[in-house]
Amino acid sequence: MNLIIAILQEVNIDEKLKGAPDSGYGVGVFIGSLLPFLILVGLAYIVYRYNKNRYKDE
């Protein structure tokens, strides 16, 4: 199942940039490629802080 998802999510960024309507499209592709990673990092940090504070109170 993970293999299917990985294949479907595979994106060729160079191809998208070549077919872009203008130069601003590259910024959107860059942000869109980093956004999932930043969300996961933020979620991990929130979980870390929550657990750290919970153990500190005990």
PDB file of N, CA and C in Angstrom:
ATOM      1  N   MET A   1       0.827  -1.190   0.000  1.00  0.00           N
ATOM      2  CA  MET A   1       0.000   0.000   0.000  1.00  0.00           C
ATOM      3  C   MET A   1       0.874   1.258   0.000  1.00  0.00           C
ATOM      4  N   ASN A   2       1.932   1.247   0.803  1.00  0.00           N
ATOM      5  CA  ASN A   2       2.827   2.405   0.843  1.00  0.00           C
ATOM      6  C   ASN A   2       3.529   2.611  -0.490  1.00  0.00           C
ATOM      7  N   LEU A   3       3.825   1.532  -1.181  1.00  0.00           N
ATOM      8  CA  LEU A   3       4.481   1.632  -2.481  1.00  0.00           C
ATOM      9  C   LEU A   3       3.576   2.338  -3.484  1.00  0.00           C
ATOM     10  N   ILE A   4       2.304   2.012  -3.457  1.00  0.00           N
ATOM     11  CA  ILE A   4       1.356   2.645  -4.372  1.00  0.00           C
ATOM     12  C   ILE A   4       1.261   4.145  -4.096  1.00  0.00           C
ATOM     13  N   ILE A   5       1.193   4.500  -2.835  1.00  0.00           N
ATOM     14  CA  ILE A   5       1.117   5.915  -2.468  1.00  0.00           C
ATOM     15  C   ILE A   5       2.383   6.644  -2.880  1.00  0.00           C
ATOM     16  N   ALA A   6       3.537   6.014  -2.671  1.00  0.00           N
ATOM     17  CA  ALA A   6       4.805   6.642  -3.038  1.00  0.00           C
ATOM     18  C   ALA A   6       4.893   6.864  -4.547  1.00  0.00           C
ATOM     19  N   ILE A   7       4.404   5.913  -5.319  1.00  0.00           N
ATOM     20  CA  ILE A   7       4.439   6.059  -6.772  1.00  0.00           C
ATOM     21  C   ILE A   7       3.502   7.180  -7.223  1.00  0.00           C
ATOM     22  N   LEU A   8       2.327   7.263  -6.605  1.00  0.00           N
ATOM     23  CA  LEU A   8       1.376   8.299  -6.979  1.00  0.00           C
ATOM     24  C   LEU A   8       1.852   9.691  -6.585  1.00  0.00           C
ATOM     25  N   GLN A   9       2.611   9.798  -5.519  1.00  0.00           N
ATOM     26  CA  GLN A   9       3.071  11.092  -5.041  1.00  0.00           C
ATOM     27  C   GLN A   9       4.383  11.538  -5.678  1.00  0.00           C
ATOM     28  N   GLU A  10       4.997  10.692  -6.460  1.00  0.00           N
ATOM     29  CA  GLU A  10       6.269  11.049  -7.089  1.00  0.00           C
ATOM     30  C   GLU A  10       6.037  12.176  -8.088  1.00  0.00           C
ATOM     31  N   VAL A  11       6.757  13.255  -7.901  1.00  0.00           N
ATOM     32  CA  VAL A  11       6.560  14.444  -8.723  1.00  0.00           C
ATOM     33  C   VAL A  11       7.892  14.813  -9.365  1.00  0.00           C
ATOM     34  N   ASN A  12       7.858  15.096 -10.637  1.00  0.00           N
ATOM     35  CA  ASN A  12       9.050  15.559 -11.343  1.00  0.00           C
ATOM     36  C   ASN A  12       9.004  17.086 -11.381  1.00  0.00           C
ATOM     37  N   ILE A  13       9.755  17.710 -10.505  1.00  0.00           N
ATOM     38  CA  ILE A  13       9.713  19.163 -10.358  1.00  0.00           C
ATOM     39  C   ILE A  13      10.278  19.854 -11.602  1.00  0.00           C
ATOM     40  N   ASP A  14      11.306  19.284 -12.205  1.00  0.00           N
ATOM     41  CA  ASP A  14      11.893  19.904 -13.398  1.00  0.00           C
ATOM     42  C   ASP A  14      10.875  20.005 -14.526  1.00  0.00           C
ATOM     43  N   GLU A  15      10.058  18.968 -14.673  1.00  0.00           N
ATOM     44  CA  GLU A  15       9.036  18.978 -15.713  1.00  0.00           C
ATOM     45  C   GLU A  15       7.995  20.066 -15.444  1.00  0.00           C
ATOM     46  N   LYS A  16       7.606  20.225 -14.187  1.00  0.00           N
ATOM     47  CA  LYS A  16       6.636  21.250 -13.838  1.00  0.00           C
ATOM     48  C   LYS A  16       7.185  22.647 -14.104  1.00  0.00           C
ATOM     49  N   LEU A  17       8.465  22.860 -13.797  1.00  0.00           N
ATOM     50  CA  LEU A  17       9.057  24.183 -13.995  1.00  0.00           C
ATOM     51  C   LEU A  17       9.195  24.519 -15.479  1.00  0.00           C
ATOM     52  N   LYS A  18       9.459  23.513 -16.315  1.00  0.00           N
ATOM     53  CA  LYS A  18       9.577  23.770 -17.755  1.00  0.00           C
ATOM     54  C   LYS A  18       8.233  24.175 -18.354  1.00  0.00           C
ATOM     55  N   GLY A  19       7.146  23.607 -17.836  1.00  0.00           N
ATOM     56  CA  GLY A  19       5.819  23.917 -18.359  1.00  0.00           C
ATOM     57  C   GLY A  19       5.124  25.028 -17.598  1.00  0.00           C
ATOM     58  N   ALA A  20       5.863  25.768 -16.803  1.00  0.00           N
ATOM     59  CA  ALA A  20       5.274  26.823 -15.963  1.00  0.00           C
ATOM     60  C   ALA A  20       4.855  28.029 -16.795  1.00  0.00           C
ATOM     61  N   PRO A  21       3.740  28.647 -16.415  1.00  0.00           N
ATOM     62  CA  PRO A  21       3.296  29.829 -17.158  1.00  0.00           C
ATOM     63  C   PRO A  21       4.184  31.063 -16.940  1.00  0.00           C
ATOM     64  N   ASP A  22       4.774  31.201 -15.740  1.00  0.00           N
ATOM     65  CA  ASP A  22       5.669  32.327 -15.468  1.00  0.00           C
ATOM     66  C   ASP A  22       6.696  31.920 -14.402  1.00  0.00           C
ATOM     67  N   SER A  23       7.593  32.844 -14.049  1.00  0.00           N
ATOM     68  CA  SER A  23       8.675  32.517 -13.123  1.00  0.00           C
ATOM     69  C   SER A  23       8.192  32.399 -11.681  1.00  0.00           C
ATOM     70  N   GLY A  24       7.062  32.967 -11.345  1.00  0.00           N
ATOM     71  CA  GLY A  24       6.527  32.877  -9.992  1.00  0.00           C
ATOM     72  C   GLY A  24       6.064  31.481  -9.637  1.00  0.00           C
ATOM     73  N   TYR A  25       5.847  30.655 -10.630  1.00  0.00           N
ATOM     74  CA  TYR A  25       5.400  29.281 -10.412  1.00  0.00           C
ATOM     75  C   TYR A  25       6.467  28.476  -9.669  1.00  0.00           C
ATOM     76  N   GLY A  26       7.715  28.787  -9.900  1.00  0.00           N
ATOM     77  CA  GLY A  26       8.814  28.073  -9.236  1.00  0.00           C
ATOM     78  C   GLY A  26       8.791  28.255  -7.738  1.00  0.00           C
ATOM     79  N   VAL A  27       8.417  29.432  -7.271  1.00  0.00           N
ATOM     80  CA  VAL A  27       8.327  29.697  -5.837  1.00  0.00           C
ATOM     81  C   VAL A  27       7.225  28.826  -5.228  1.00  0.00           C
ATOM     82  N   GLY A  28       6.112  28.713  -5.912  1.00  0.00           N
ATOM     83  CA  GLY A  28       5.006  27.889  -5.427  1.00  0.00           C
ATOM     84  C   GLY A  28       5.375  26.418  -5.370  1.00  0.00           C
ATOM     85  N   VAL A  29       6.103  25.948  -6.343  1.00  0.00           N
ATOM     86  CA  VAL A  29       6.545  24.549  -6.348  1.00  0.00           C
ATOM     87  C   VAL A  29       7.510  24.305  -5.196  1.00  0.00           C
ATOM     88  N   PHE A  30       8.406  25.245  -4.950  1.00  0.00           N
ATOM     89  CA  PHE A  30       9.364  25.122  -3.854  1.00  0.00           C
ATOM     90  C   PHE A  30       8.653  25.075  -2.509  1.00  0.00           C
ATOM     91  N   ILE A  31       7.722  25.995  -2.290  1.00  0.00           N
ATOM     92  CA  ILE A  31       6.975  26.026  -1.031  1.00  0.00           C
ATOM     93  C   ILE A  31       6.131  24.764  -0.887  1.00  0.00           C
ATOM     94  N   GLY A  32       5.501  24.337  -1.952  1.00  0.00           N
ATOM     95  CA  GLY A  32       4.672  23.136  -1.917  1.00  0.00           C
ATOM     96  C   GLY A  32       5.461  21.874  -1.637  1.00  0.00           C
ATOM     97  N   SER A  33       6.716  21.843  -2.035  1.00  0.00           N
ATOM     98  CA  SER A  33       7.528  20.659  -1.767  1.00  0.00           C
ATOM     99  C   SER A  33       8.043  20.649  -0.329  1.00  0.00           C
ATOM    100  N   LEU A  34       8.207  21.817   0.286  1.00  0.00           N
ATOM    101  CA  LEU A  34       8.686  21.896   1.666  1.00  0.00           C
ATOM    102  C   LEU A  34       7.568  21.850   2.696  1.00  0.00           C
ATOM    103  N   LEU A  35       6.371  22.215   2.312  1.00  0.00           N
ATOM    104  CA  LEU A  35       5.262  22.329   3.260  1.00  0.00           C
ATOM    105  C   LEU A  35       4.955  21.036   4.011  1.00  0.00           C
ATOM    106  N   PRO A  36       4.861  19.884   3.376  1.00  0.00           N
ATOM    107  CA  PRO A  36       4.586  18.659   4.147  1.00  0.00           C
ATOM    108  C   PRO A  36       5.676  18.365   5.184  1.00  0.00           C
ATOM    109  N   PHE A  37       6.924  18.608   4.830  1.00  0.00           N
ATOM    110  CA  PHE A  37       8.025  18.386   5.762  1.00  0.00           C
ATOM    111  C   PHE A  37       7.920  19.326   6.956  1.00  0.00           C
ATOM    112  N   LEU A  38       7.625  20.591   6.710  1.00  0.00           N
ATOM    113  CA  LEU A  38       7.513  21.562   7.796  1.00  0.00           C
ATOM    114  C   LEU A  38       6.337  21.246   8.718  1.00  0.00           C
ATOM    115  N   ILE A  39       5.256  20.756   8.166  1.00  0.00           N
ATOM    116  CA  ILE A  39       4.105  20.374   8.991  1.00  0.00           C
ATOM    117  C   ILE A  39       4.469  19.207   9.893  1.00  0.00           C
ATOM    118  N   LEU A  40       5.176  18.220   9.362  1.00  0.00           N
ATOM    119  CA  LEU A  40       5.588  17.071  10.176  1.00  0.00           C
ATOM    120  C   LEU A  40       6.563  17.485  11.272  1.00  0.00           C
ATOM    121  N   VAL A  41       7.484  18.380  10.969  1.00  0.00           N
ATOM    122  CA  VAL A  41       8.432  18.861  11.971  1.00  0.00           C
ATOM    123  C   VAL A  41       7.687  19.624  13.066  1.00  0.00           C
ATOM    124  N   GLY A  42       6.750  20.465  12.685  1.00  0.00           N
ATOM    125  CA  GLY A  42       5.957  21.204  13.662  1.00  0.00           C
ATOM    126  C   GLY A  42       5.138  20.279  14.548  1.00  0.00           C
ATOM    127  N   LEU A  43       4.535  19.270  13.971  1.00  0.00           N
ATOM    128  CA  LEU A  43       3.752  18.305  14.739  1.00  0.00           C
ATOM    129  C   LEU A  43       4.642  17.531  15.709  1.00  0.00           C
ATOM    130  N   ALA A  44       5.823  17.135  15.265  1.00  0.00           N
ATOM    131  CA  ALA A  44       6.754  16.420  16.142  1.00  0.00           C
ATOM    132  C   ALA A  44       7.191  17.309  17.303  1.00  0.00           C
ATOM    133  N   TYR A  45       7.418  18.581  17.044  1.00  0.00           N
ATOM    134  CA  TYR A  45       7.809  19.504  18.102  1.00  0.00           C
ATOM    135  C   TYR A  45       6.693  19.687  19.123  1.00  0.00           C
ATOM    136  N   ILE A  46       5.462  19.792  18.647  1.00  0.00           N
ATOM    137  CA  ILE A  46       4.326  19.938  19.559  1.00  0.00           C
ATOM    138  C   ILE A  46       4.187  18.707  20.452  1.00  0.00           C
ATOM    139  N   VAL A  47       4.322  17.534  19.885  1.00  0.00           N
ATOM    140  CA  VAL A  47       4.241  16.295  20.666  1.00  0.00           C
ATOM    141  C   VAL A  47       5.383  16.235  21.673  1.00  0.00           C
ATOM    142  N   TYR A  48       6.576  16.626  21.258  1.00  0.00           N
ATOM    143  CA  TYR A  48       7.734  16.642  22.154  1.00  0.00           C
ATOM    144  C   TYR A  48       7.503  17.573  23.337  1.00  0.00           C
ATOM    145  N   ARG A  49       7.061  18.808  23.069  1.00  0.00           N
ATOM    146  CA  ARG A  49       6.821  19.771  24.154  1.00  0.00           C
ATOM    147  C   ARG A  49       5.720  19.296  25.100  1.00  0.00           C
ATOM    148  N   TYR A  50       4.669  18.706  24.549  1.00  0.00           N
ATOM    149  CA  TYR A  50       3.570  18.207  25.368  1.00  0.00           C
ATOM    150  C   TYR A  50       4.068  17.117  26.322  1.00  0.00           C
ATOM    151  N   ASN A  51       4.826  16.171  25.798  1.00  0.00           N
ATOM    152  CA  ASN A  51       5.331  15.080  26.618  1.00  0.00           C
ATOM    153  C   ASN A  51       6.369  15.569  27.620  1.00  0.00           C
ATOM    154  N   LYS A  52       7.190  16.512  27.236  1.00  0.00           N
ATOM    155  CA  LYS A  52       8.196  17.053  28.137  1.00  0.00           C
ATOM    156  C   LYS A  52       7.518  17.748  29.323  1.00  0.00           C
ATOM    157  N   ASN A  53       6.520  18.552  29.051  1.00  0.00           N
ATOM    158  CA  ASN A  53       5.802  19.238  30.118  1.00  0.00           C
ATOM    159  C   ASN A  53       4.992  18.272  30.990  1.00  0.00           C
ATOM    160  N   ARG A  54       4.477  17.227  30.400  1.00  0.00           N
ATOM    161  CA  ARG A  54       3.697  16.257  31.162  1.00  0.00           C
ATOM    162  C   ARG A  54       4.581  15.505  32.155  1.00  0.00           C
ATOM    163  N   TYR A  55       5.770  15.102  31.733  1.00  0.00           N
ATOM    164  CA  TYR A  55       6.682  14.386  32.635  1.00  0.00           C
ATOM    165  C   TYR A  55       7.281  15.332  33.677  1.00  0.00           C
ATOM    166  N   LYS A  56       7.414  16.598  33.335  1.00  0.00           N
ATOM    167  CA  LYS A  56       7.962  17.587  34.268  1.00  0.00           C
ATOM    168  C   LYS A  56       7.008  17.803  35.436  1.00  0.00           C
ATOM    169  N   ASP A  57       5.708  17.757  35.188  1.00  0.00           N
ATOM    170  CA  ASP A  57       4.710  17.965  36.235  1.00  0.00           C
ATOM    171  C   ASP A  57       4.597  16.785  37.190  1.00  0.00           C
ATOM    172  N   GLU A  58       5.024  15.616  36.805  1.00  0.00           N
ATOM    173  CA  GLU A  58       4.901  14.428  37.668  1.00  0.00           C
ATOM    174  C   GLU A  58       5.920  14.387  38.758  1.00  0.00           C
TER     175      GLU A  58
END
